[in-house]
Amino acid sequence: ALMFLREHFREPSTPAAMVGALAQWFAYFGDPEAALEAHSLALKRGQGAGPSTWYPVMREMRRLPEFKQLVREIGFVDFWREDGWGDFCKPLGADDFECQ
């Protein structure tokens, strides 16, 4: 299944919404790194992070250090620090946080 998913993920013509769906399938089949790569690509192609970021299947993706960098880059951490932390991420001291 992962080989099939990677084949479609590498296609430049794959629509952003499909790339976002592929992220969920990567996560389901146990490849959180590929899930994050697909999720990031979907964002770059104009597909919002959306609720799928917080689905249970994406838990391992959210624990990756690269995910922390992504949410910093897109401004989530600044937003959380101003308006409150959600259910999945919480602060660790003044400069760090973790996501479940």
PDB file of N, CA and C in Angstrom:
ATOM      1  N   ALA A   1       0.821  -1.199   0.000  1.00  0.00           N
ATOM      2  CA  ALA A   1       0.000   0.000   0.000  1.00  0.00           C
ATOM      3  C   ALA A   1       0.865   1.264   0.000  1.00  0.00           C
ATOM      4  N   LEU A   2       1.948   1.239   0.802  1.00  0.00           N
ATOM      5  CA  LEU A   2       2.807   2.430   0.854  1.00  0.00           C
ATOM      6  C   LEU A   2       3.456   2.715  -0.492  1.00  0.00           C
ATOM      7  N   MET A   3       3.824   1.671  -1.216  1.00  0.00           N
ATOM      8  CA  MET A   3       4.415   1.868  -2.542  1.00  0.00           C
ATOM      9  C   MET A   3       3.407   2.547  -3.482  1.00  0.00           C
ATOM     10  N   PHE A   4       2.175   2.095  -3.443  1.00  0.00           N
ATOM     11  CA  PHE A   4       1.113   2.700  -4.254  1.00  0.00           C
ATOM     12  C   PHE A   4       0.918   4.171  -3.879  1.00  0.00           C
ATOM     13  N   LEU A   5       0.869   4.445  -2.581  1.00  0.00           N
ATOM     14  CA  LEU A   5       0.676   5.816  -2.124  1.00  0.00           C
ATOM     15  C   LEU A   5       1.825   6.708  -2.561  1.00  0.00           C
ATOM     16  N   ARG A   6       3.049   6.221  -2.429  1.00  0.00           N
ATOM     17  CA  ARG A   6       4.212   7.025  -2.824  1.00  0.00           C
ATOM     18  C   ARG A   6       4.196   7.334  -4.313  1.00  0.00           C
ATOM     19  N   GLU A   7       3.757   6.381  -5.102  1.00  0.00           N
ATOM     20  CA  GLU A   7       3.674   6.588  -6.548  1.00  0.00           C
ATOM     21  C   GLU A   7       2.753   7.762  -6.871  1.00  0.00           C
ATOM     22  N   HIS A   8       1.606   7.823  -6.217  1.00  0.00           N
ATOM     23  CA  HIS A   8       0.658   8.910  -6.473  1.00  0.00           C
ATOM     24  C   HIS A   8       1.106  10.218  -5.837  1.00  0.00           C
ATOM     25  N   PHE A   9       1.789  10.130  -4.738  1.00  0.00           N
ATOM     26  CA  PHE A   9       2.272  11.325  -4.061  1.00  0.00           C
ATOM     27  C   PHE A   9       3.311  12.049  -4.906  1.00  0.00           C
ATOM     28  N   ARG A  10       4.141  11.312  -5.605  1.00  0.00           N
ATOM     29  CA  ARG A  10       5.226  11.902  -6.398  1.00  0.00           C
ATOM     30  C   ARG A  10       4.738  12.564  -7.687  1.00  0.00           C
ATOM     31  N   GLU A  11       3.508  12.278  -8.081  1.00  0.00           N
ATOM     32  CA  GLU A  11       2.962  12.873  -9.306  1.00  0.00           C
ATOM     33  C   GLU A  11       2.731  14.372  -9.117  1.00  0.00           C
ATOM     34  N   PRO A  12       3.394  15.222  -9.893  1.00  0.00           N
ATOM     35  CA  PRO A  12       3.193  16.670  -9.738  1.00  0.00           C
ATOM     36  C   PRO A  12       1.758  17.114 -10.012  1.00  0.00           C
ATOM     37  N   SER A  13       1.028  16.331 -10.788  1.00  0.00           N
ATOM     38  CA  SER A  13      -0.336  16.727 -11.141  1.00  0.00           C
ATOM     39  C   SER A  13      -1.368  16.304 -10.091  1.00  0.00           C
ATOM     40  N   THR A  14      -0.948  15.612  -9.052  1.00  0.00           N
ATOM     41  CA  THR A  14      -1.894  15.196  -8.022  1.00  0.00           C
ATOM     42  C   THR A  14      -2.446  16.435  -7.322  1.00  0.00           C
ATOM     43  N   PRO A  15      -3.766  16.623  -7.308  1.00  0.00           N
ATOM     44  CA  PRO A  15      -4.360  17.813  -6.689  1.00  0.00           C
ATOM     45  C   PRO A  15      -4.043  17.905  -5.195  1.00  0.00           C
ATOM     46  N   ALA A  16      -3.998  19.123  -4.697  1.00  0.00           N
ATOM     47  CA  ALA A  16      -3.664  19.364  -3.284  1.00  0.00           C
ATOM     48  C   ALA A  16      -4.584  18.590  -2.346  1.00  0.00           C
ATOM     49  N   ALA A  17      -5.870  18.554  -2.662  1.00  0.00           N
ATOM     50  CA  ALA A  17      -6.807  17.835  -1.793  1.00  0.00           C
ATOM     51  C   ALA A  17      -6.460  16.344  -1.732  1.00  0.00           C
ATOM     52  N   MET A  18      -6.024  15.786  -2.842  1.00  0.00           N
ATOM     53  CA  MET A  18      -5.632  14.374  -2.872  1.00  0.00           C
ATOM     54  C   MET A  18      -4.346  14.169  -2.071  1.00  0.00           C
ATOM     55  N   VAL A  19      -3.418  15.109  -2.163  1.00  0.00           N
ATOM     56  CA  VAL A  19      -2.173  15.010  -1.396  1.00  0.00           C
ATOM     57  C   VAL A  19      -2.502  15.014   0.100  1.00  0.00           C
ATOM     58  N   GLY A  20      -3.454  15.850   0.505  1.00  0.00           N
ATOM     59  CA  GLY A  20      -3.881  15.867   1.900  1.00  0.00           C
ATOM     60  C   GLY A  20      -4.474  14.531   2.322  1.00  0.00           C
ATOM     61  N   ALA A  21      -5.240  13.917   1.459  1.00  0.00           N
ATOM     62  CA  ALA A  21      -5.802  12.593   1.754  1.00  0.00           C
ATOM     63  C   ALA A  21      -4.698  11.544   1.816  1.00  0.00           C
ATOM     64  N   LEU A  22      -3.720  11.662   0.949  1.00  0.00           N
ATOM     65  CA  LEU A  22      -2.592  10.728   0.983  1.00  0.00           C
ATOM     66  C   LEU A  22      -1.854  10.824   2.315  1.00  0.00           C
ATOM     67  N   ALA A  23      -1.787  12.016   2.875  1.00  0.00           N
ATOM     68  CA  ALA A  23      -1.139  12.184   4.182  1.00  0.00           C
ATOM     69  C   ALA A  23      -1.817  11.295   5.224  1.00  0.00           C
ATOM     70  N   GLN A  24      -3.113  11.270   5.203  1.00  0.00           N
ATOM     71  CA  GLN A  24      -3.854  10.439   6.162  1.00  0.00           C
ATOM     72  C   GLN A  24      -3.587   8.949   5.926  1.00  0.00           C
ATOM     73  N   TRP A  25      -3.505   8.558   4.672  1.00  0.00           N
ATOM     74  CA  TRP A  25      -3.240   7.148   4.374  1.00  0.00           C
ATOM     75  C   TRP A  25      -1.818   6.769   4.772  1.00  0.00           C
ATOM     76  N   PHE A  26      -0.854   7.659   4.535  1.00  0.00           N
ATOM     77  CA  PHE A  26       0.510   7.388   4.999  1.00  0.00           C
ATOM     78  C   PHE A  26       0.509   7.159   6.507  1.00  0.00           C
ATOM     79  N   ALA A  27      -0.185   8.015   7.217  1.00  0.00           N
ATOM     80  CA  ALA A  27      -0.253   7.881   8.677  1.00  0.00           C
ATOM     81  C   ALA A  27      -0.920   6.557   9.058  1.00  0.00           C
ATOM     82  N   TYR A  28      -1.980   6.219   8.392  1.00  0.00           N
ATOM     83  CA  TYR A  28      -2.704   4.977   8.687  1.00  0.00           C
ATOM     84  C   TYR A  28      -1.803   3.753   8.508  1.00  0.00           C
ATOM     85  N   PHE A  29      -0.980   3.775   7.470  1.00  0.00           N
ATOM     86  CA  PHE A  29      -0.106   2.644   7.184  1.00  0.00           C
ATOM     87  C   PHE A  29       1.252   2.743   7.883  1.00  0.00           C
ATOM     88  N   GLY A  30       1.369   3.645   8.864  1.00  0.00           N
ATOM     89  CA  GLY A  30       2.540   3.660   9.726  1.00  0.00           C
ATOM     90  C   GLY A  30       3.748   4.413   9.231  1.00  0.00           C
ATOM     91  N   ASP A  31       3.556   5.409   8.374  1.00  0.00           N
ATOM     92  CA  ASP A  31       4.687   6.210   7.901  1.00  0.00           C
ATOM     93  C   ASP A  31       4.433   7.686   8.228  1.00  0.00           C
ATOM     94  N   PRO A  32       4.651   8.083   9.491  1.00  0.00           N
ATOM     95  CA  PRO A  32       4.364   9.466   9.878  1.00  0.00           C
ATOM     96  C   PRO A  32       5.239  10.493   9.167  1.00  0.00           C
ATOM     97  N   GLU A  33       6.462  10.119   8.801  1.00  0.00           N
ATOM     98  CA  GLU A  33       7.333  11.052   8.078  1.00  0.00           C
ATOM     99  C   GLU A  33       6.751  11.379   6.706  1.00  0.00           C
ATOM    100  N   ALA A  34       6.289  10.362   5.986  1.00  0.00           N
ATOM    101  CA  ALA A  34       5.659  10.595   4.682  1.00  0.00           C
ATOM    102  C   ALA A  34       4.347  11.361   4.857  1.00  0.00           C
ATOM    103  N   ALA A  35       3.630  11.068   5.941  1.00  0.00           N
ATOM    104  CA  ALA A  35       2.391  11.799   6.220  1.00  0.00           C
ATOM    105  C   ALA A  35       2.679  13.286   6.379  1.00  0.00           C
ATOM    106  N   LEU A  36       3.730  13.605   7.107  1.00  0.00           N
ATOM    107  CA  LEU A  36       4.085  15.010   7.301  1.00  0.00           C
ATOM    108  C   LEU A  36       4.551  15.650   6.001  1.00  0.00           C
ATOM    109  N   GLU A  37       5.310  14.919   5.223  1.00  0.00           N
ATOM    110  CA  GLU A  37       5.754  15.444   3.929  1.00  0.00           C
ATOM    111  C   GLU A  37       4.558  15.758   3.034  1.00  0.00           C
ATOM    112  N   ALA A  38       3.603  14.851   2.977  1.00  0.00           N
ATOM    113  CA  ALA A  38       2.407  15.068   2.162  1.00  0.00           C
ATOM    114  C   ALA A  38       1.563  16.205   2.728  1.00  0.00           C
ATOM    115  N   HIS A  39       1.427  16.246   4.031  1.00  0.00           N
ATOM    116  CA  HIS A  39       0.655  17.304   4.682  1.00  0.00           C
ATOM    117  C   HIS A  39       1.265  18.682   4.382  1.00  0.00           C
ATOM    118  N   SER A  40       2.584  18.771   4.484  1.00  0.00           N
ATOM    119  CA  SER A  40       3.280  20.026   4.190  1.00  0.00           C
ATOM    120  C   SER A  40       3.106  20.423   2.727  1.00  0.00           C
ATOM    121  N   LEU A  41       3.201  19.444   1.832  1.00  0.00           N
ATOM    122  CA  LEU A  41       3.020  19.728   0.413  1.00  0.00           C
ATOM    123  C   LEU A  41       1.607  20.220   0.130  1.00  0.00           C
ATOM    124  N   ALA A  42       0.625  19.616   0.771  1.00  0.00           N
ATOM    125  CA  ALA A  42      -0.760  20.062   0.586  1.00  0.00           C
ATOM    126  C   ALA A  42      -0.894  21.522   1.010  1.00  0.00           C
ATOM    127  N   LEU A  43      -0.263  21.891   2.110  1.00  0.00           N
ATOM    128  CA  LEU A  43      -0.300  23.290   2.557  1.00  0.00           C
ATOM    129  C   LEU A  43       0.337  24.203   1.518  1.00  0.00           C
ATOM    130  N   LYS A  44       1.477  23.795   0.981  1.00  0.00           N
ATOM    131  CA  LYS A  44       2.177  24.610  -0.018  1.00  0.00           C
ATOM    132  C   LYS A  44       1.373  24.748  -1.299  1.00  0.00           C
ATOM    133  N   ARG A  45       0.544  23.760  -1.591  1.00  0.00           N
ATOM    134  CA  ARG A  45      -0.290  23.810  -2.795  1.00  0.00           C
ATOM    135  C   ARG A  45      -1.632  24.488  -2.541  1.00  0.00           C
ATOM    136  N   GLY A  46      -1.790  25.052  -1.357  1.00  0.00           N
ATOM    137  CA  GLY A  46      -2.990  25.828  -1.093  1.00  0.00           C
ATOM    138  C   GLY A  46      -4.104  25.092  -0.379  1.00  0.00           C
ATOM    139  N   GLN A  47      -3.873  23.863  -0.002  1.00  0.00           N
ATOM    140  CA  GLN A  47      -4.870  23.126   0.768  1.00  0.00           C
ATOM    141  C   GLN A  47      -4.618  23.420   2.243  1.00  0.00           C
ATOM    142  N   GLY A  48      -5.582  23.996   2.926  1.00  0.00           N
ATOM    143  CA  GLY A  48      -5.401  24.337   4.333  1.00  0.00           C
ATOM    144  C   GLY A  48      -5.117  23.120   5.191  1.00  0.00           C
ATOM    145  N   ALA A  49      -4.552  23.352   6.364  1.00  0.00           N
ATOM    146  CA  ALA A  49      -4.227  22.255   7.282  1.00  0.00           C
ATOM    147  C   ALA A  49      -5.480  21.490   7.653  1.00  0.00           C
ATOM    148  N   GLY A  50      -6.559  22.208   7.879  1.00  0.00           N
ATOM    149  CA  GLY A  50      -7.840  21.578   8.129  1.00  0.00           C
ATOM    150  C   GLY A  50      -7.873  20.658   9.321  1.00  0.00           C
ATOM    151  N   PRO A  51      -9.019  20.115   9.560  1.00  0.00           N
ATOM    152  CA  PRO A  51      -9.203  19.252  10.724  1.00  0.00           C
ATOM    153  C   PRO A  51      -8.400  17.962  10.658  1.00  0.00           C
ATOM    154  N   SER A  52      -7.988  17.525   9.479  1.00  0.00           N
ATOM    155  CA  SER A  52      -7.279  16.244   9.390  1.00  0.00           C
ATOM    156  C   SER A  52      -5.977  16.251  10.181  1.00  0.00           C
ATOM    157  N   THR A  53      -5.403  17.408  10.413  1.00  0.00           N
ATOM    158  CA  THR A  53      -4.189  17.509  11.223  1.00  0.00           C
ATOM    159  C   THR A  53      -4.399  16.888  12.591  1.00  0.00           C
ATOM    160  N   TRP A  54      -5.602  17.002  13.090  1.00  0.00           N
ATOM    161  CA  TRP A  54      -5.897  16.607  14.468  1.00  0.00           C
ATOM    162  C   TRP A  54      -6.587  15.257  14.584  1.00  0.00           C
ATOM    163  N   TYR A  55      -6.769  14.558  13.464  1.00  0.00           N
ATOM    164  CA  TYR A  55      -7.369  13.225  13.508  1.00  0.00           C
ATOM    165  C   TYR A  55      -6.466  12.284  14.315  1.00  0.00           C
ATOM    166  N   PRO A  56      -7.054  11.310  15.007  1.00  0.00           N
ATOM    167  CA  PRO A  56      -6.238  10.363  15.776  1.00  0.00           C
ATOM    168  C   PRO A  56      -5.168   9.659  14.949  1.00  0.00           C
ATOM    169  N   VAL A  57      -5.470   9.362  13.704  1.00  0.00           N
ATOM    170  CA  VAL A  57      -4.507   8.660  12.860  1.00  0.00           C
ATOM    171  C   VAL A  57      -3.240   9.478  12.633  1.00  0.00           C
ATOM    172  N   MET A  58      -3.317  10.784  12.817  1.00  0.00           N
ATOM    173  CA  MET A  58      -2.180  11.672  12.582  1.00  0.00           C
ATOM    174  C   MET A  58      -1.332  11.890  13.844  1.00  0.00           C
ATOM    175  N   ARG A  59      -1.634  11.206  14.917  1.00  0.00           N
ATOM    176  CA  ARG A  59      -0.950  11.407  16.201  1.00  0.00           C
ATOM    177  C   ARG A  59       0.571  11.284  16.087  1.00  0.00           C
ATOM    178  N   GLU A  60       1.050  10.237  15.455  1.00  0.00           N
ATOM    179  CA  GLU A  60       2.506  10.049  15.350  1.00  0.00           C
ATOM    180  C   GLU A  60       3.139  11.143  14.502  1.00  0.00           C
ATOM    181  N   MET A  61       2.438  11.619  13.500  1.00  0.00           N
ATOM    182  CA  MET A  61       2.937  12.735  12.694  1.00  0.00           C
ATOM    183  C   MET A  61       3.108  13.974  13.567  1.00  0.00           C
ATOM    184  N   ARG A  62       2.132  14.223  14.439  1.00  0.00           N
ATOM    185  CA  ARG A  62       2.187  15.417  15.293  1.00  0.00           C
ATOM    186  C   ARG A  62       3.326  15.356  16.297  1.00  0.00           C
ATOM    187  N   ARG A  63       3.847  14.199  16.569  1.00  0.00           N
ATOM    188  CA  ARG A  63       4.943  14.050  17.533  1.00  0.00           C
ATOM    189  C   ARG A  63       6.318  14.269  16.911  1.00  0.00           C
ATOM    190  N   LEU A  64       6.390  14.389  15.603  1.00  0.00           N
ATOM    191  CA  LEU A  64       7.676  14.579  14.932  1.00  0.00           C
ATOM    192  C   LEU A  64       8.214  15.992  15.164  1.00  0.00           C
ATOM    193  N   PRO A  65       9.525  16.128  15.333  1.00  0.00           N
ATOM    194  CA  PRO A  65      10.118  17.471  15.474  1.00  0.00           C
ATOM    195  C   PRO A  65       9.812  18.367  14.272  1.00  0.00           C
ATOM    196  N   GLU A  66       9.733  17.775  13.093  1.00  0.00           N
ATOM    197  CA  GLU A  66       9.438  18.558  11.885  1.00  0.00           C
ATOM    198  C   GLU A  66       8.016  19.116  11.903  1.00  0.00           C
ATOM    199  N   PHE A  67       7.111  18.423  12.575  1.00  0.00           N
ATOM    200  CA  PHE A  67       5.758  18.953  12.715  1.00  0.00           C
ATOM    201  C   PHE A  67       5.787  20.211  13.576  1.00  0.00           C
ATOM    202  N   LYS A  68       6.571  20.161  14.637  1.00  0.00           N
ATOM    203  CA  LYS A  68       6.694  21.342  15.491  1.00  0.00           C
ATOM    204  C   LYS A  68       7.206  22.530  14.671  1.00  0.00           C
ATOM    205  N   GLN A  69       8.170  22.277  13.807  1.00  0.00           N
ATOM    206  CA  GLN A  69       8.698  23.352  12.966  1.00  0.00           C
ATOM    207  C   GLN A  69       7.615  23.875  12.016  1.00  0.00           C
ATOM    208  N   LEU A  70       6.843  22.969  11.443  1.00  0.00           N
ATOM    209  CA  LEU A  70       5.775  23.362  10.523  1.00  0.00           C
ATOM    210  C   LEU A  70       4.759  24.263  11.210  1.00  0.00           C
ATOM    211  N   VAL A  71       4.282  23.871  12.391  1.00  0.00           N
ATOM    212  CA  VAL A  71       3.260  24.687  13.040  1.00  0.00           C
ATOM    213  C   VAL A  71       3.832  26.026  13.522  1.00  0.00           C
ATOM    214  N   ARG A  72       5.120  26.061  13.782  1.00  0.00           N
ATOM    215  CA  ARG A  72       5.757  27.355  14.075  1.00  0.00           C
ATOM    216  C   ARG A  72       5.740  28.238  12.834  1.00  0.00           C
ATOM    217  N   GLU A  73       6.148  27.665  11.696  1.00  0.00           N
ATOM    218  CA  GLU A  73       6.236  28.420  10.442  1.00  0.00           C
ATOM    219  C   GLU A  73       4.891  28.980  10.005  1.00  0.00           C
ATOM    220  N   ILE A  74       3.822  28.215  10.185  1.00  0.00           N
ATOM    221  CA  ILE A  74       2.517  28.684   9.711  1.00  0.00           C
ATOM    222  C   ILE A  74       1.787  29.539  10.745  1.00  0.00           C
ATOM    223  N   GLY A  75       2.420  29.746  11.906  1.00  0.00           N
ATOM    224  CA  GLY A  75       1.882  30.692  12.876  1.00  0.00           C
ATOM    225  C   GLY A  75       0.984  30.114  13.945  1.00  0.00           C
ATOM    226  N   PHE A  76       0.811  28.796  13.976  1.00  0.00           N
ATOM    227  CA  PHE A  76      -0.055  28.211  15.000  1.00  0.00           C
ATOM    228  C   PHE A  76       0.456  28.489  16.408  1.00  0.00           C
ATOM    229  N   VAL A  77       1.754  28.359  16.618  1.00  0.00           N
ATOM    230  CA  VAL A  77       2.295  28.499  17.969  1.00  0.00           C
ATOM    231  C   VAL A  77       2.084  29.911  18.489  1.00  0.00           C
ATOM    232  N   ASP A  78       2.317  30.903  17.636  1.00  0.00           N
ATOM    233  CA  ASP A  78       2.065  32.300  18.041  1.00  0.00           C
ATOM    234  C   ASP A  78       0.589  32.483  18.405  1.00  0.00           C
ATOM    235  N   PHE A  79      -0.283  31.908  17.581  1.00  0.00           N
ATOM    236  CA  PHE A  79      -1.717  31.992  17.846  1.00  0.00           C
ATOM    237  C   PHE A  79      -2.059  31.338  19.180  1.00  0.00           C
ATOM    238  N   TRP A  80      -1.545  30.129  19.403  1.00  0.00           N
ATOM    239  CA  TRP A  80      -1.833  29.415  20.654  1.00  0.00           C
ATOM    240  C   TRP A  80      -1.336  30.182  21.867  1.00  0.00           C
ATOM    241  N   ARG A  81      -0.161  30.764  21.752  1.00  0.00           N
ATOM    242  CA  ARG A  81       0.384  31.494  22.895  1.00  0.00           C
ATOM    243  C   ARG A  81      -0.478  32.723  23.229  1.00  0.00           C
ATOM    244  N   GLU A  82      -1.094  33.306  22.234  1.00  0.00           N
ATOM    245  CA  GLU A  82      -1.958  34.475  22.459  1.00  0.00           C
ATOM    246  C   GLU A  82      -3.367  34.090  22.880  1.00  0.00           C
ATOM    247  N   ASP A  83      -3.929  33.095  22.215  1.00  0.00           N
ATOM    248  CA  ASP A  83      -5.351  32.789  22.390  1.00  0.00           C
ATOM    249  C   ASP A  83      -5.659  31.500  23.131  1.00  0.00           C
ATOM    250  N   GLY A  84      -4.644  30.763  23.526  1.00  0.00           N
ATOM    251  CA  GLY A  84      -4.861  29.533  24.274  1.00  0.00           C
ATOM    252  C   GLY A  84      -4.546  28.299  23.454  1.00  0.00           C
ATOM    253  N   TRP A  85      -4.097  27.304  24.145  1.00  0.00           N
ATOM    254  CA  TRP A  85      -3.709  26.041  23.522  1.00  0.00           C
ATOM    255  C   TRP A  85      -4.925  25.146  23.372  1.00  0.00           C
ATOM    256  N   GLY A  86      -4.957  24.393  22.296  1.00  0.00           N
ATOM    257  CA  GLY A  86      -6.066  23.489  22.033  1.00  0.00           C
ATOM    258  C   GLY A  86      -5.913  22.164  22.769  1.00  0.00           C
ATOM    259  N   ASP A  87      -6.603  21.172  22.283  1.00  0.00           N
ATOM    260  CA  ASP A  87      -6.625  19.861  22.926  1.00  0.00           C
ATOM    261  C   ASP A  87      -5.392  19.011  22.633  1.00  0.00           C
ATOM    262  N   PHE A  88      -4.651  19.307  21.575  1.00  0.00           N
ATOM    263  CA  PHE A  88      -3.602  18.409  21.123  1.00  0.00           C
ATOM    264  C   PHE A  88      -2.183  18.885  21.394  1.00  0.00           C
ATOM    265  N   CYS A  89      -2.002  20.153  21.601  1.00  0.00           N
ATOM    266  CA  CYS A  89      -0.671  20.691  21.843  1.00  0.00           C
ATOM    267  C   CYS A  89      -0.693  21.528  23.115  1.00  0.00           C
ATOM    268  N   LYS A  90       0.414  21.510  23.836  1.00  0.00           N
ATOM    269  CA  LYS A  90       0.489  22.281  25.076  1.00  0.00           C
ATOM    270  C   LYS A  90       1.904  22.817  25.253  1.00  0.00           C
ATOM    271  N   PRO A  91       2.030  23.931  25.954  1.00  0.00           N
ATOM    272  CA  PRO A  91       3.360  24.530  26.132  1.00  0.00           C
ATOM    273  C   PRO A  91       4.221  23.705  27.087  1.00  0.00           C
ATOM    274  N   LEU A  92       5.508  23.768  26.834  1.00  0.00           N
ATOM    275  CA  LEU A  92       6.521  23.197  27.728  1.00  0.00           C
ATOM    276  C   LEU A  92       7.494  24.330  28.025  1.00  0.00           C
ATOM    277  N   GLY A  93       7.262  25.048  29.077  1.00  0.00           N
ATOM    278  CA  GLY A  93       8.105  26.196  29.381  1.00  0.00           C
ATOM    279  C   GLY A  93       7.785  27.369  28.485  1.00  0.00           C
ATOM    280  N   ALA A  94       8.693  28.310  28.463  1.00  0.00           N
ATOM    281  CA  ALA A  94       8.464  29.555  27.728  1.00  0.00           C
ATOM    282  C   ALA A  94       8.674  29.415  26.224  1.00  0.00           C
ATOM    283  N   ASP A  95       9.528  28.478  25.797  1.00  0.00           N
ATOM    284  CA  ASP A  95       9.907  28.431  24.382  1.00  0.00           C
ATOM    285  C   ASP A  95       9.620  27.117  23.668  1.00  0.00           C
ATOM    286  N   ASP A  96       9.034  26.153  24.340  1.00  0.00           N
ATOM    287  CA  ASP A  96       8.830  24.863  23.708  1.00  0.00           C
ATOM    288  C   ASP A  96       7.383  24.405  23.901  1.00  0.00           C
ATOM    289  N   PHE A  97       7.024  23.351  23.206  1.00  0.00           N
ATOM    290  CA  PHE A  97       5.683  22.785  23.306  1.00  0.00           C
ATOM    291  C   PHE A  97       5.751  21.336  22.822  1.00  0.00           C
ATOM    292  N   GLU A  98       4.682  20.613  23.095  1.00  0.00           N
ATOM    293  CA  GLU A  98       4.559  19.254  22.586  1.00  0.00           C
ATOM    294  C   GLU A  98       3.159  19.047  22.052  1.00  0.00           C
ATOM    295  N   CYS A  99       3.074  18.139  21.096  1.00  0.00           N
ATOM    296  CA  CYS A  99       1.773  17.791  20.531  1.00  0.00           C
ATOM    297  C   CYS A  99       1.541  16.292  20.701  1.00  0.00           C
ATOM    298  N   GLN A 100       0.313  15.953  20.939  1.00  0.00           N
ATOM    299  CA  GLN A 100      -0.085  14.559  21.101  1.00  0.00           C
ATOM    300  C   GLN A 100      -0.813  14.083  19.869  1.00  0.00           C
TER     301      GLN A 100
END
